[in-house]
């Protein structure tokens, strides 16, 4: 499966953005799709995941603000980001895995990384 992230942009603190991860060559229903982000000078970190069975998981810093969802008809996974903060500024990536649910936060369990999309939040 090939993945392409899109939807990034420059916004102000408190604004919202929706990122999309479009898949081709395979169904998102057969994978766990994860969102990761990498801020300048920092390591890439887990943000959220949508499991093949419908499970979802997100990191504590985005709970209550970010929502991950799947549109099977469009073979796409979305990351709705509300109440954005300057510390959310990063390049956001999506990737696919078939690893057991307990390990979906581990970056090295993912393959099929798409090109990232830049999100910049100004204060």
PDB file of N, CA and C in Angstrom:
ATOM      1  N   UNK A   1       0.838  -1.172   0.000  1.00  0.00           N
ATOM      2  CA  UNK A   1       0.000   0.000   0.000  1.00  0.00           C
ATOM      3  C   UNK A   1       0.889   1.243   0.000  1.00  0.00           C
ATOM      4  N   UNK A   2       0.510   2.230  -0.804  1.00  0.00           N
ATOM      5  CA  UNK A   2       1.229   3.508  -0.826  1.00  0.00           C
ATOM      6  C   UNK A   2       0.352   4.560  -0.156  1.00  0.00           C
ATOM      7  N   UNK A   3       1.010   5.424   0.605  1.00  0.00           N
ATOM      8  CA  UNK A   3       0.277   6.421   1.377  1.00  0.00           C
ATOM      9  C   UNK A   3       0.757   7.821   1.026  1.00  0.00           C
ATOM     10  N   UNK A   4      -0.172   8.768   1.054  1.00  0.00           N
ATOM     11  CA  UNK A   4       0.166  10.163   0.792  1.00  0.00           C
ATOM     12  C   UNK A   4      -0.577  11.039   1.782  1.00  0.00           C
ATOM     13  N   UNK A   5       0.178  11.777   2.564  1.00  0.00           N
ATOM     14  CA  UNK A   5      -0.409  12.706   3.527  1.00  0.00           C
ATOM     15  C   UNK A   5      -0.604  14.066   2.872  1.00  0.00           C
ATOM     16  N   UNK A   6      -1.670  14.738   3.256  1.00  0.00           N
ATOM     17  CA  UNK A   6      -1.952  16.076   2.742  1.00  0.00           C
ATOM     18  C   UNK A   6      -2.775  16.841   3.755  1.00  0.00           C
ATOM     19  N   UNK A   7      -2.924  18.142   3.523  1.00  0.00           N
ATOM     20  CA  UNK A   7      -3.795  18.956   4.348  1.00  0.00           C
ATOM     21  C   UNK A   7      -3.099  19.897   5.304  1.00  0.00           C
ATOM     22  N   UNK A   8      -1.785  19.857   5.329  1.00  0.00           N
ATOM     23  CA  UNK A   8      -1.056  20.741   6.215  1.00  0.00           C
ATOM     24  C   UNK A   8      -1.168  22.189   5.793  1.00  0.00           C
ATOM     25  N   UNK A   9      -0.657  23.060   6.657  1.00  0.00           N
ATOM     26  CA  UNK A   9      -0.694  24.476   6.336  1.00  0.00           C
ATOM     27  C   UNK A   9      -0.217  25.321   7.488  1.00  0.00           C
ATOM     28  N   UNK A  10      -0.335  26.621   7.313  1.00  0.00           N
ATOM     29  CA  UNK A  10       0.035  27.603   8.332  1.00  0.00           C
ATOM     30  C   UNK A  10      -1.239  28.148   8.960  1.00  0.00           C
ATOM     31  N   UNK A  11      -1.378  27.972  10.264  1.00  0.00           N
ATOM     32  CA  UNK A  11      -2.567  28.426  10.978  1.00  0.00           C
ATOM     33  C   UNK A  11      -2.142  29.134  12.252  1.00  0.00           C
ATOM     34  N   UNK A  12      -3.125  29.763  12.903  1.00  0.00           N
ATOM     35  CA  UNK A  12      -2.868  30.411  14.182  1.00  0.00           C
ATOM     36  C   UNK A  12      -3.266  29.486  15.324  1.00  0.00           C
ATOM     37  N   UNK A  13      -2.713  29.743  16.477  1.00  0.00           N
ATOM     38  CA  UNK A  13      -3.069  28.963  17.662  1.00  0.00           C
ATOM     39  C   UNK A  13      -4.578  29.017  17.869  1.00  0.00           C
ATOM     40  N   UNK A  14      -5.148  27.871  18.164  1.00  0.00           N
ATOM     41  CA  UNK A  14      -6.579  27.767  18.367  1.00  0.00           C
ATOM     42  C   UNK A  14      -7.354  27.343  17.135  1.00  0.00           C
ATOM     43  N   UNK A  15      -6.715  27.406  15.985  1.00  0.00           N
ATOM     44  CA  UNK A  15      -7.366  27.021  14.736  1.00  0.00           C
ATOM     45  C   UNK A  15      -7.419  25.507  14.593  1.00  0.00           C
ATOM     46  N   UNK A  16      -8.060  25.081  13.510  1.00  0.00           N
ATOM     47  CA  UNK A  16      -8.201  23.657  13.214  1.00  0.00           C
ATOM     48  C   UNK A  16      -7.649  23.338  11.822  1.00  0.00           C
ATOM     49  N   UNK A  17      -7.221  22.109  11.665  1.00  0.00           N
ATOM     50  CA  UNK A  17      -6.800  21.570  10.373  1.00  0.00           C
ATOM     51  C   UNK A  17      -7.211  20.110  10.330  1.00  0.00           C
ATOM     52  N   UNK A  18      -7.468  19.641   9.123  1.00  0.00           N
ATOM     53  CA  UNK A  18      -7.702  18.211   8.940  1.00  0.00           C
ATOM     54  C   UNK A  18      -6.672  17.662   7.969  1.00  0.00           C
ATOM     55  N   UNK A  19      -5.897  16.710   8.434  1.00  0.00           N
ATOM     56  CA  UNK A  19      -4.945  16.017   7.582  1.00  0.00           C
ATOM     57  C   UNK A  19      -5.594  14.764   7.017  1.00  0.00           C
ATOM     58  N   UNK A  20      -5.173  14.424   5.803  1.00  0.00           N
ATOM     59  CA  UNK A  20      -5.686  13.226   5.161  1.00  0.00           C
ATOM     60  C   UNK A  20      -4.533  12.326   4.754  1.00  0.00           C
ATOM     61  N   UNK A  21      -4.737  11.038   4.895  1.00  0.00           N
ATOM     62  CA  UNK A  21      -3.771  10.035   4.471  1.00  0.00           C
ATOM     63  C   UNK A  21      -4.481   9.144   3.461  1.00  0.00           C
ATOM     64  N   UNK A  22      -4.190   9.378   2.193  1.00  0.00           N
ATOM     65  CA  UNK A  22      -4.848   8.643   1.125  1.00  0.00           C
ATOM     66  C   UNK A  22      -4.018   7.430   0.741  1.00  0.00           C
ATOM     67  N   UNK A  23      -4.675   6.289   0.648  1.00  0.00           N
ATOM     68  CA  UNK A  23      -3.989   5.042   0.325  1.00  0.00           C
ATOM     69  C   UNK A  23      -4.299   4.600  -1.096  1.00  0.00           C
ATOM     70  N   UNK A  24      -3.319   3.973  -1.699  1.00  0.00           N
ATOM     71  CA  UNK A  24      -3.504   3.358  -3.012  1.00  0.00           C
ATOM     72  C   UNK A  24      -2.758   2.039  -3.041  1.00  0.00           C
ATOM     73  N   UNK A  25      -3.236   1.137  -3.843  1.00  0.00           N
ATOM     74  CA  UNK A  25      -2.587  -0.160  -3.940  1.00  0.00           C
ATOM     75  C   UNK A  25      -2.928  -1.110  -2.822  1.00  0.00           C
ATOM     76  N   UNK A  26      -3.885  -0.751  -2.006  1.00  0.00           N
ATOM     77  CA  UNK A  26      -4.298  -1.597  -0.906  1.00  0.00           C
ATOM     78  C   UNK A  26      -5.368  -0.899  -0.095  1.00  0.00           C
ATOM     79  N   UNK A  27      -6.087  -1.652   0.710  1.00  0.00           N
ATOM     80  CA  UNK A  27      -7.186  -1.077   1.497  1.00  0.00           C
ATOM     81  C   UNK A  27      -6.729  -0.687   2.889  1.00  0.00           C
ATOM     82  N   UNK A  28      -7.127   0.501   3.319  1.00  0.00           N
ATOM     83  CA  UNK A  28      -6.789   0.927   4.681  1.00  0.00           C
ATOM     84  C   UNK A  28      -7.453   0.036   5.716  1.00  0.00           C
ATOM     85  N   UNK A  29      -8.454  -0.714   5.323  1.00  0.00           N
ATOM     86  CA  UNK A  29      -9.148  -1.600   6.263  1.00  0.00           C
ATOM     87  C   UNK A  29      -8.309  -2.820   6.631  1.00  0.00           C
ATOM     88  N   UNK A  30      -7.230  -3.034   5.901  1.00  0.00           N
ATOM     89  CA  UNK A  30      -6.384  -4.181   6.178  1.00  0.00           C
ATOM     90  C   UNK A  30      -5.171  -3.819   7.025  1.00  0.00           C
ATOM     91  N   UNK A  31      -5.043  -2.538   7.376  1.00  0.00           N
ATOM     92  CA  UNK A  31      -3.866  -2.068   8.104  1.00  0.00           C
ATOM     93  C   UNK A  31      -4.279  -1.201   9.289  1.00  0.00           C
ATOM     94  N   UNK A  32      -3.351  -1.095  10.203  1.00  0.00           N
ATOM     95  CA  UNK A  32      -3.416   0.008  11.145  1.00  0.00           C
ATOM     96  C   UNK A  32      -2.680   1.167  10.500  1.00  0.00           C
ATOM     97  N   UNK A  33      -3.342   2.317  10.451  1.00  0.00           N
ATOM     98  CA  UNK A  33      -2.726   3.518   9.895  1.00  0.00           C
ATOM     99  C   UNK A  33      -2.370   4.442  11.055  1.00  0.00           C
ATOM    100  N   UNK A  34      -1.127   4.816  11.111  1.00  0.00           N
ATOM    101  CA  UNK A  34      -0.663   5.684  12.183  1.00  0.00           C
ATOM    102  C   UNK A  34      -0.241   7.045  11.659  1.00  0.00           C
ATOM    103  N   UNK A  35      -0.419   8.037  12.505  1.00  0.00           N
ATOM    104  CA  UNK A  35       0.100   9.376  12.249  1.00  0.00           C
ATOM    105  C   UNK A  35       1.249   9.634  13.214  1.00  0.00           C
ATOM    106  N   UNK A  36       2.331  10.140  12.675  1.00  0.00           N
ATOM    107  CA  UNK A  36       3.493  10.528  13.456  1.00  0.00           C
ATOM    108  C   UNK A  36       3.849  11.967  13.084  1.00  0.00           C
ATOM    109  N   UNK A  37       4.645  12.603  13.917  1.00  0.00           N
ATOM    110  CA  UNK A  37       5.091  13.955  13.597  1.00  0.00           C
ATOM    111  C   UNK A  37       6.524  14.140  14.054  1.00  0.00           C
ATOM    112  N   UNK A  38       7.200  15.043  13.343  1.00  0.00           N
ATOM    113  CA  UNK A  38       8.578  15.348  13.687  1.00  0.00           C
ATOM    114  C   UNK A  38       8.764  16.853  13.670  1.00  0.00           C
ATOM    115  N   UNK A  39       9.052  17.389  14.836  1.00  0.00           N
ATOM    116  CA  UNK A  39       9.322  18.814  14.981  1.00  0.00           C
ATOM    117  C   UNK A  39      10.808  19.056  14.728  1.00  0.00           C
ATOM    118  N   UNK A  40      11.164  20.285  14.364  1.00  0.00           N
ATOM    119  CA  UNK A  40      12.576  20.593  14.107  1.00  0.00           C
ATOM    120  C   UNK A  40      13.454  20.247  15.307  1.00  0.00           C
ATOM    121  N   UNK A  41      14.512  19.509  15.041  1.00  0.00           N
ATOM    122  CA  UNK A  41      15.451  19.166  16.089  1.00  0.00           C
ATOM    123  C   UNK A  41      15.002  18.075  17.030  1.00  0.00           C
ATOM    124  N   UNK A  42      13.853  17.476  16.735  1.00  0.00           N
ATOM    125  CA  UNK A  42      13.324  16.425  17.615  1.00  0.00           C
ATOM    126  C   UNK A  42      13.127  15.131  16.854  1.00  0.00           C
ATOM    127  N   UNK A  43      12.990  14.056  17.595  1.00  0.00           N
ATOM    128  CA  UNK A  43      12.735  12.766  16.977  1.00  0.00           C
ATOM    129  C   UNK A  43      11.255  12.676  16.564  1.00  0.00           C
ATOM    130  N   UNK A  44      11.012  11.817  15.619  1.00  0.00           N
ATOM    131  CA  UNK A  44       9.636  11.590  15.194  1.00  0.00           C
ATOM    132  C   UNK A  44       8.869  10.898  16.323  1.00  0.00           C
ATOM    133  N   UNK A  45       7.637  11.333  16.553  1.00  0.00           N
ATOM    134  CA  UNK A  45       6.846  10.791  17.643  1.00  0.00           C
ATOM    135  C   UNK A  45       5.466  10.356  17.178  1.00  0.00           C
ATOM    136  N   UNK A  46       4.924   9.398  17.884  1.00  0.00           N
ATOM    137  CA  UNK A  46       3.586   8.888  17.607  1.00  0.00           C
ATOM    138  C   UNK A  46       2.539   9.939  17.961  1.00  0.00           C
ATOM    139  N   UNK A  47       1.520  10.058  17.117  1.00  0.00           N
ATOM    140  CA  UNK A  47       0.412  10.970  17.383  1.00  0.00           C
ATOM    141  C   UNK A  47      -0.890  10.192  17.594  1.00  0.00           C
ATOM    142  N   UNK A  48      -1.258   9.382  16.617  1.00  0.00           N
ATOM    143  CA  UNK A  48      -2.523   8.656  16.703  1.00  0.00           C
ATOM    144  C   UNK A  48      -2.515   7.494  15.723  1.00  0.00           C
ATOM    145  N   UNK A  49      -3.387   6.527  15.979  1.00  0.00           N
ATOM    146  CA  UNK A  49      -3.501   5.370  15.096  1.00  0.00           C
ATOM    147  C   UNK A  49      -4.948   4.922  14.996  1.00  0.00           C
ATOM    148  N   UNK A  50      -5.283   4.415  13.824  1.00  0.00           N
ATOM    149  CA  UNK A  50      -6.607   3.827  13.582  1.00  0.00           C
ATOM    150  C   UNK A  50      -6.375   2.398  13.155  1.00  0.00           C
ATOM    151  N   UNK A  51      -6.848   1.458  13.954  1.00  0.00           N
ATOM    152  CA  UNK A  51      -6.616   0.054  13.688  1.00  0.00           C
ATOM    153  C   UNK A  51      -7.535  -0.529  12.639  1.00  0.00           C
ATOM    154  N   UNK A  52      -7.105  -1.645  12.072  1.00  0.00           N
ATOM    155  CA  UNK A  52      -7.903  -2.285  11.026  1.00  0.00           C
ATOM    156  C   UNK A  52      -9.270  -2.692  11.563  1.00  0.00           C
ATOM    157  N   UNK A  53      -9.338  -2.962  12.872  1.00  0.00           N
ATOM    158  CA  UNK A  53     -10.611  -3.385  13.461  1.00  0.00           C
ATOM    159  C   UNK A  53     -11.448  -2.213  13.947  1.00  0.00           C
ATOM    160  N   UNK A  54     -10.913  -1.009  13.831  1.00  0.00           N
ATOM    161  CA  UNK A  54     -11.661   0.157  14.275  1.00  0.00           C
ATOM    162  C   UNK A  54     -11.179   0.761  15.578  1.00  0.00           C
ATOM    163  N   UNK A  55     -10.211   0.126  16.208  1.00  0.00           N
ATOM    164  CA  UNK A  55      -9.643   0.699  17.433  1.00  0.00           C
ATOM    165  C   UNK A  55      -8.934   2.007  17.110  1.00  0.00           C
ATOM    166  N   UNK A  56      -8.889   2.888  18.112  1.00  0.00           N
ATOM    167  CA  UNK A  56      -8.117   4.119  17.966  1.00  0.00           C
ATOM    168  C   UNK A  56      -7.257   4.326  19.204  1.00  0.00           C
ATOM    169  N   UNK A  57      -6.159   5.016  18.993  1.00  0.00           N
ATOM    170  CA  UNK A  57      -5.251   5.346  20.093  1.00  0.00           C
ATOM    171  C   UNK A  57      -4.623   6.682  19.748  1.00  0.00           C
ATOM    172  N   UNK A  58      -4.371   7.501  20.770  1.00  0.00           N
ATOM    173  CA  UNK A  58      -3.685   8.771  20.545  1.00  0.00           C
ATOM    174  C   UNK A  58      -2.773   9.067  21.717  1.00  0.00           C
ATOM    175  N   UNK A  59      -1.783   9.873  21.457  1.00  0.00           N
ATOM    176  CA  UNK A  59      -0.861  10.244  22.508  1.00  0.00           C
ATOM    177  C   UNK A  59      -1.514  11.254  23.443  1.00  0.00           C
ATOM    178  N   UNK A  60      -1.067  11.290  24.675  1.00  0.00           N
ATOM    179  CA  UNK A  60      -1.732  12.108  25.692  1.00  0.00           C
ATOM    180  C   UNK A  60      -1.797  13.592  25.318  1.00  0.00           C
ATOM    181  N   UNK A  61      -0.761  14.089  24.673  1.00  0.00           N
ATOM    182  CA  UNK A  61      -0.705  15.530  24.395  1.00  0.00           C
ATOM    183  C   UNK A  61      -1.753  16.000  23.390  1.00  0.00           C
ATOM    184  N   UNK A  62      -2.386  15.088  22.680  1.00  0.00           N
ATOM    185  CA  UNK A  62      -3.389  15.489  21.692  1.00  0.00           C
ATOM    186  C   UNK A  62      -4.791  15.008  22.053  1.00  0.00           C
ATOM    187  N   UNK A  63      -4.913  14.250  23.121  1.00  0.00           N
ATOM    188  CA  UNK A  63      -6.236  13.744  23.503  1.00  0.00           C
ATOM    189  C   UNK A  63      -7.173  14.898  23.808  1.00  0.00           C
ATOM    190  N   UNK A  64      -8.382  14.789  23.288  1.00  0.00           N
ATOM    191  CA  UNK A  64      -9.358  15.850  23.464  1.00  0.00           C
ATOM    192  C   UNK A  64      -9.273  16.940  22.418  1.00  0.00           C
ATOM    193  N   UNK A  65      -8.186  16.927  21.624  1.00  0.00           N
ATOM    194  CA  UNK A  65      -8.017  17.933  20.572  1.00  0.00           C
ATOM    195  C   UNK A  65      -7.973  17.310  19.179  1.00  0.00           C
ATOM    196  N   UNK A  66      -7.329  16.170  19.049  1.00  0.00           N
ATOM    197  CA  UNK A  66      -7.181  15.500  17.754  1.00  0.00           C
ATOM    198  C   UNK A  66      -8.093  14.282  17.713  1.00  0.00           C
ATOM    199  N   UNK A  67      -8.687  14.052  16.548  1.00  0.00           N
ATOM    200  CA  UNK A  67      -9.527  12.878  16.337  1.00  0.00           C
ATOM    201  C   UNK A  67      -9.101  12.181  15.059  1.00  0.00           C
ATOM    202  N   UNK A  68      -8.879  10.884  15.156  1.00  0.00           N
ATOM    203  CA  UNK A  68      -8.517  10.101  13.975  1.00  0.00           C
ATOM    204  C   UNK A  68      -9.742   9.329  13.514  1.00  0.00           C
ATOM    205  N   UNK A  69      -9.938   9.278  12.204  1.00  0.00           N
ATOM    206  CA  UNK A  69     -11.096   8.584  11.657  1.00  0.00           C
ATOM    207  C   UNK A  69     -10.724   7.949  10.324  1.00  0.00           C
ATOM    208  N   UNK A  70     -11.581   7.040   9.884  1.00  0.00           N
ATOM    209  CA  UNK A  70     -11.325   6.341   8.621  1.00  0.00           C
ATOM    210  C   UNK A  70     -12.535   6.481   7.701  1.00  0.00           C
ATOM    211  N   UNK A  71     -12.273   6.790   6.467  1.00  0.00           N
ATOM    212  CA  UNK A  71     -13.298   6.822   5.430  1.00  0.00           C
ATOM    213  C   UNK A  71     -12.986   5.685   4.465  1.00  0.00           C
ATOM    214  N   UNK A  72     -13.606   4.550   4.688  1.00  0.00           N
ATOM    215  CA  UNK A  72     -13.285   3.371   3.886  1.00  0.00           C
ATOM    216  C   UNK A  72     -13.652   3.567   2.415  1.00  0.00           C
ATOM    217  N   UNK A  73     -14.722   4.289   2.163  1.00  0.00           N
ATOM    218  CA  UNK A  73     -15.160   4.514   0.786  1.00  0.00           C
ATOM    219  C   UNK A  73     -14.103   5.273  -0.008  1.00  0.00           C
ATOM    220  N   UNK A  74     -13.399   6.173   0.676  1.00  0.00           N
ATOM    221  CA  UNK A  74     -12.365   6.957   0.011  1.00  0.00           C
ATOM    222  C   UNK A  74     -10.972   6.408   0.278  1.00  0.00           C
ATOM    223  N   UNK A  75     -10.904   5.289   1.019  1.00  0.00           N
ATOM    224  CA  UNK A  75      -9.619   4.656   1.327  1.00  0.00           C
ATOM    225  C   UNK A  75      -8.644   5.649   1.953  1.00  0.00           C
ATOM    226  N   UNK A  76      -9.172   6.384   2.921  1.00  0.00           N
ATOM    227  CA  UNK A  76      -8.427   7.495   3.524  1.00  0.00           C
ATOM    228  C   UNK A  76      -8.614   7.489   5.033  1.00  0.00           C
ATOM    229  N   UNK A  77      -7.557   7.879   5.729  1.00  0.00           N
ATOM    230  CA  UNK A  77      -7.624   8.091   7.176  1.00  0.00           C
ATOM    231  C   UNK A  77      -7.368   9.573   7.436  1.00  0.00           C
ATOM    232  N   UNK A  78      -8.235  10.160   8.256  1.00  0.00           N
ATOM    233  CA  UNK A  78      -8.143  11.592   8.541  1.00  0.00           C
ATOM    234  C   UNK A  78      -7.651  11.830   9.959  1.00  0.00           C
ATOM    235  N   UNK A  79      -6.989  12.947  10.145  1.00  0.00           N
ATOM    236  CA  UNK A  79      -6.614  13.411  11.480  1.00  0.00           C
ATOM    237  C   UNK A  79      -7.164  14.827  11.632  1.00  0.00           C
ATOM    238  N   UNK A  80      -8.261  14.923  12.369  1.00  0.00           N
ATOM    239  CA  UNK A  80      -8.871  16.223  12.631  1.00  0.00           C
ATOM    240  C   UNK A  80      -8.157  16.836  13.830  1.00  0.00           C
ATOM    241  N   UNK A  81      -7.589  18.013  13.634  1.00  0.00           N
ATOM    242  CA  UNK A  81      -6.804  18.646  14.682  1.00  0.00           C
ATOM    243  C   UNK A  81      -7.475  19.960  15.063  1.00  0.00           C
ATOM    244  N   UNK A  82      -7.945  20.024  16.290  1.00  0.00           N
ATOM    245  CA  UNK A  82      -8.600  21.236  16.806  1.00  0.00           C
ATOM    246  C   UNK A  82      -7.732  21.872  17.890  1.00  0.00           C
ATOM    247  N   UNK A  83      -8.024  23.112  18.191  1.00  0.00           N
ATOM    248  CA  UNK A  83      -7.320  23.832  19.258  1.00  0.00           C
ATOM    249  C   UNK A  83      -5.811  23.692  19.115  1.00  0.00           C
ATOM    250  N   UNK A  84      -5.329  23.944  17.922  1.00  0.00           N
ATOM    251  CA  UNK A  84      -3.906  23.744  17.655  1.00  0.00           C
ATOM    252  C   UNK A  84      -3.049  24.689  18.480  1.00  0.00           C
ATOM    253  N   UNK A  85      -1.889  24.184  18.863  1.00  0.00           N
ATOM    254  CA  UNK A  85      -0.929  24.923  19.675  1.00  0.00           C
ATOM    255  C   UNK A  85       0.382  25.052  18.914  1.00  0.00           C
ATOM    256  N   UNK A  86       1.183  26.044  19.237  1.00  0.00           N
ATOM    257  CA  UNK A  86       2.490  26.171  18.568  1.00  0.00           C
ATOM    258  C   UNK A  86       3.327  24.907  18.685  1.00  0.00           C
ATOM    259  N   UNK A  87       3.202  24.196  19.782  1.00  0.00           N
ATOM    260  CA  UNK A  87       3.980  22.972  19.959  1.00  0.00           C
ATOM    261  C   UNK A  87       3.505  21.821  19.072  1.00  0.00           C
ATOM    262  N   UNK A  88       2.405  22.018  18.351  1.00  0.00           N
ATOM    263  CA  UNK A  88       1.961  21.023  17.368  1.00  0.00           C
ATOM    264  C   UNK A  88       2.674  21.197  16.030  1.00  0.00           C
ATOM    265  N   UNK A  89       3.465  22.249  15.915  1.00  0.00           N
ATOM    266  CA  UNK A  89       4.202  22.499  14.682  1.00  0.00           C
ATOM    267  C   UNK A  89       5.169  21.349  14.403  1.00  0.00           C
ATOM    268  N   UNK A  90       5.046  20.771  13.216  1.00  0.00           N
ATOM    269  CA  UNK A  90       5.866  19.612  12.847  1.00  0.00           C
ATOM    270  C   UNK A  90       5.521  19.199  11.422  1.00  0.00           C
ATOM    271  N   UNK A  91       6.331  18.305  10.904  1.00  0.00           N
ATOM    272  CA  UNK A  91       5.963  17.591   9.687  1.00  0.00           C
ATOM    273  C   UNK A  91       5.206  16.343  10.124  1.00  0.00           C
ATOM    274  N   UNK A  92       4.035  16.166   9.590  1.00  0.00           N
ATOM    275  CA  UNK A  92       3.188  15.039   9.939  1.00  0.00           C
ATOM    276  C   UNK A  92       3.266  13.973   8.848  1.00  0.00           C
ATOM    277  N   UNK A  93       3.438  12.730   9.293  1.00  0.00           N
ATOM    278  CA  UNK A  93       3.551  11.596   8.389  1.00  0.00           C
ATOM    279  C   UNK A  93       2.486  10.559   8.729  1.00  0.00           C
ATOM    280  N   UNK A  94       2.048   9.841   7.714  1.00  0.00           N
ATOM    281  CA  UNK A  94       1.224   8.659   7.976  1.00  0.00           C
ATOM    282  C   UNK A  94       1.967   7.429   7.462  1.00  0.00           C
ATOM    283  N   UNK A  95       1.662   6.311   8.074  1.00  0.00           N
ATOM    284  CA  UNK A  95       2.322   5.058   7.733  1.00  0.00           C
ATOM    285  C   UNK A  95       1.404   3.906   8.074  1.00  0.00           C
ATOM    286  N   UNK A  96       1.737   2.741   7.559  1.00  0.00           N
ATOM    287  CA  UNK A  96       0.893   1.563   7.739  1.00  0.00           C
ATOM    288  C   UNK A  96       1.652   0.462   8.467  1.00  0.00           C
ATOM    289  N   UNK A  97       0.919  -0.320   9.220  1.00  0.00           N
ATOM    290  CA  UNK A  97       1.499  -1.459   9.913  1.00  0.00           C
ATOM    291  C   UNK A  97       0.452  -2.550  10.084  1.00  0.00           C
ATOM    292  N   UNK A  98       0.937  -3.762  10.293  1.00  0.00           N
ATOM    293  CA  UNK A  98       0.065  -4.876  10.655  1.00  0.00           C
ATOM    294  C   UNK A  98       0.469  -5.439  12.013  1.00  0.00           C
ATOM    295  N   UNK A  99       1.228  -4.697  12.766  1.00  0.00           N
ATOM    296  CA  UNK A  99       1.719  -5.140  14.069  1.00  0.00           C
ATOM    297  C   UNK A  99       0.555  -5.276  15.053  1.00  0.00           C
ATOM    298  N   UNK A 100       0.753  -6.041  16.087  1.00  0.00           N
ATOM    299  CA  UNK A 100      -0.289  -6.185  17.108  1.00  0.00           C
ATOM    300  C   UNK A 100      -0.598  -4.834  17.724  1.00  0.00           C
ATOM    301  N   UNK A 101      -1.822  -4.667  18.168  1.00  0.00           N
ATOM    302  CA  UNK A 101      -2.307  -3.363  18.628  1.00  0.00           C
ATOM    303  C   UNK A 101      -1.445  -2.777  19.746  1.00  0.00           C
ATOM    304  N   UNK A 102      -0.917  -3.600  20.557  1.00  0.00           N
ATOM    305  CA  UNK A 102      -0.129  -3.121  21.691  1.00  0.00           C
ATOM    306  C   UNK A 102       1.168  -2.431  21.302  1.00  0.00           C
ATOM    307  N   UNK A 103       1.566  -2.534  20.046  1.00  0.00           N
ATOM    308  CA  UNK A 103       2.822  -1.941  19.611  1.00  0.00           C
ATOM    309  C   UNK A 103       2.625  -0.855  18.570  1.00  0.00           C
ATOM    310  N   UNK A 104       1.416  -0.352  18.409  1.00  0.00           N
ATOM    311  CA  UNK A 104       1.153   0.603  17.324  1.00  0.00           C
ATOM    312  C   UNK A 104       1.760   1.974  17.564  1.00  0.00           C
ATOM    313  N   UNK A 105       2.282   2.215  18.744  1.00  0.00           N
ATOM    314  CA  UNK A 105       2.932   3.507  18.977  1.00  0.00           C
ATOM    315  C   UNK A 105       4.410   3.475  18.581  1.00  0.00           C
ATOM    316  N   UNK A 106       4.904   2.304  18.212  1.00  0.00           N
ATOM    317  CA  UNK A 106       6.327   2.144  17.916  1.00  0.00           C
ATOM    318  C   UNK A 106       6.614   2.431  16.439  1.00  0.00           C
ATOM    319  N   UNK A 107       7.380   3.459  16.227  1.00  0.00           N
ATOM    320  CA  UNK A 107       7.676   3.912  14.866  1.00  0.00           C
ATOM    321  C   UNK A 107       8.307   2.820  14.013  1.00  0.00           C
ATOM    322  N   UNK A 108       9.178   2.036  14.610  1.00  0.00           N
ATOM    323  CA  UNK A 108       9.913   1.043  13.819  1.00  0.00           C
ATOM    324  C   UNK A 108       9.048  -0.147  13.405  1.00  0.00           C
ATOM    325  N   UNK A 109       7.802  -0.169  13.836  1.00  0.00           N
ATOM    326  CA  UNK A 109       6.889  -1.225  13.414  1.00  0.00           C
ATOM    327  C   UNK A 109       6.124  -0.859  12.143  1.00  0.00           C
ATOM    328  N   UNK A 110       6.354   0.345  11.654  1.00  0.00           N
ATOM    329  CA  UNK A 110       5.624   0.825  10.484  1.00  0.00           C
ATOM    330  C   UNK A 110       6.478   0.776   9.227  1.00  0.00           C
ATOM    331  N   UNK A 111       5.815   0.556   8.125  1.00  0.00           N
ATOM    332  CA  UNK A 111       6.453   0.666   6.830  1.00  0.00           C
ATOM    333  C   UNK A 111       5.523   1.490   5.951  1.00  0.00           C
ATOM    334  N   UNK A 112       5.816   1.563   4.705  1.00  0.00           N
ATOM    335  CA  UNK A 112       4.955   2.277   3.762  1.00  0.00           C
ATOM    336  C   UNK A 112       4.715   3.721   4.194  1.00  0.00           C
ATOM    337  N   UNK A 113       5.774   4.392   4.571  1.00  0.00           N
ATOM    338  CA  UNK A 113       5.654   5.786   4.980  1.00  0.00           C
ATOM    339  C   UNK A 113       5.340   6.659   3.774  1.00  0.00           C
ATOM    340  N   UNK A 114       4.389   7.572   3.957  1.00  0.00           N
ATOM    341  CA  UNK A 114       4.117   8.556   2.926  1.00  0.00           C
ATOM    342  C   UNK A 114       4.997   9.774   3.124  1.00  0.00           C
ATOM    343  N   UNK A 115       5.025  10.635   2.129  1.00  0.00           N
ATOM    344  CA  UNK A 115       5.698  11.906   2.296  1.00  0.00           C
ATOM    345  C   UNK A 115       4.919  12.729   3.312  1.00  0.00           C
ATOM    346  N   UNK A 116       5.599  13.512   4.077  1.00  0.00           N
ATOM    347  CA  UNK A 116       4.961  14.269   5.133  1.00  0.00           C
ATOM    348  C   UNK A 116       4.274  15.532   4.642  1.00  0.00           C
ATOM    349  N   UNK A 117       3.506  16.106   5.549  1.00  0.00           N
ATOM    350  CA  UNK A 117       2.860  17.384   5.279  1.00  0.00           C
ATOM    351  C   UNK A 117       3.146  18.317   6.450  1.00  0.00           C
ATOM    352  N   UNK A 118       3.547  19.551   6.127  1.00  0.00           N
ATOM    353  CA  UNK A 118       3.978  20.498   7.155  1.00  0.00           C
ATOM    354  C   UNK A 118       2.785  21.162   7.819  1.00  0.00           C
ATOM    355  N   UNK A 119       2.801  21.173   9.128  1.00  0.00           N
ATOM    356  CA  UNK A 119       1.822  21.929   9.908  1.00  0.00           C
ATOM    357  C   UNK A 119       2.582  22.945  10.735  1.00  0.00           C
ATOM    358  N   UNK A 120       2.243  24.206  10.560  1.00  0.00           N
ATOM    359  CA  UNK A 120       2.881  25.275  11.310  1.00  0.00           C
ATOM    360  C   UNK A 120       1.806  26.064  12.038  1.00  0.00           C
ATOM    361  N   UNK A 121       1.962  26.172  13.358  1.00  0.00           N
ATOM    362  CA  UNK A 121       0.993  26.878  14.186  1.00  0.00           C
ATOM    363  C   UNK A 121       1.688  28.087  14.792  1.00  0.00           C
ATOM    364  N   UNK A 122       1.210  29.262  14.457  1.00  0.00           N
ATOM    365  CA  UNK A 122       1.801  30.485  14.981  1.00  0.00           C
ATOM    366  C   UNK A 122       1.070  30.923  16.245  1.00  0.00           C
ATOM    367  N   UNK A 123       1.798  31.567  17.118  1.00  0.00           N
ATOM    368  CA  UNK A 123       1.211  32.006  18.401  1.00  0.00           C
ATOM    369  C   UNK A 123       0.608  33.391  18.286  1.00  0.00           C
TER     370      UNK A 123
END
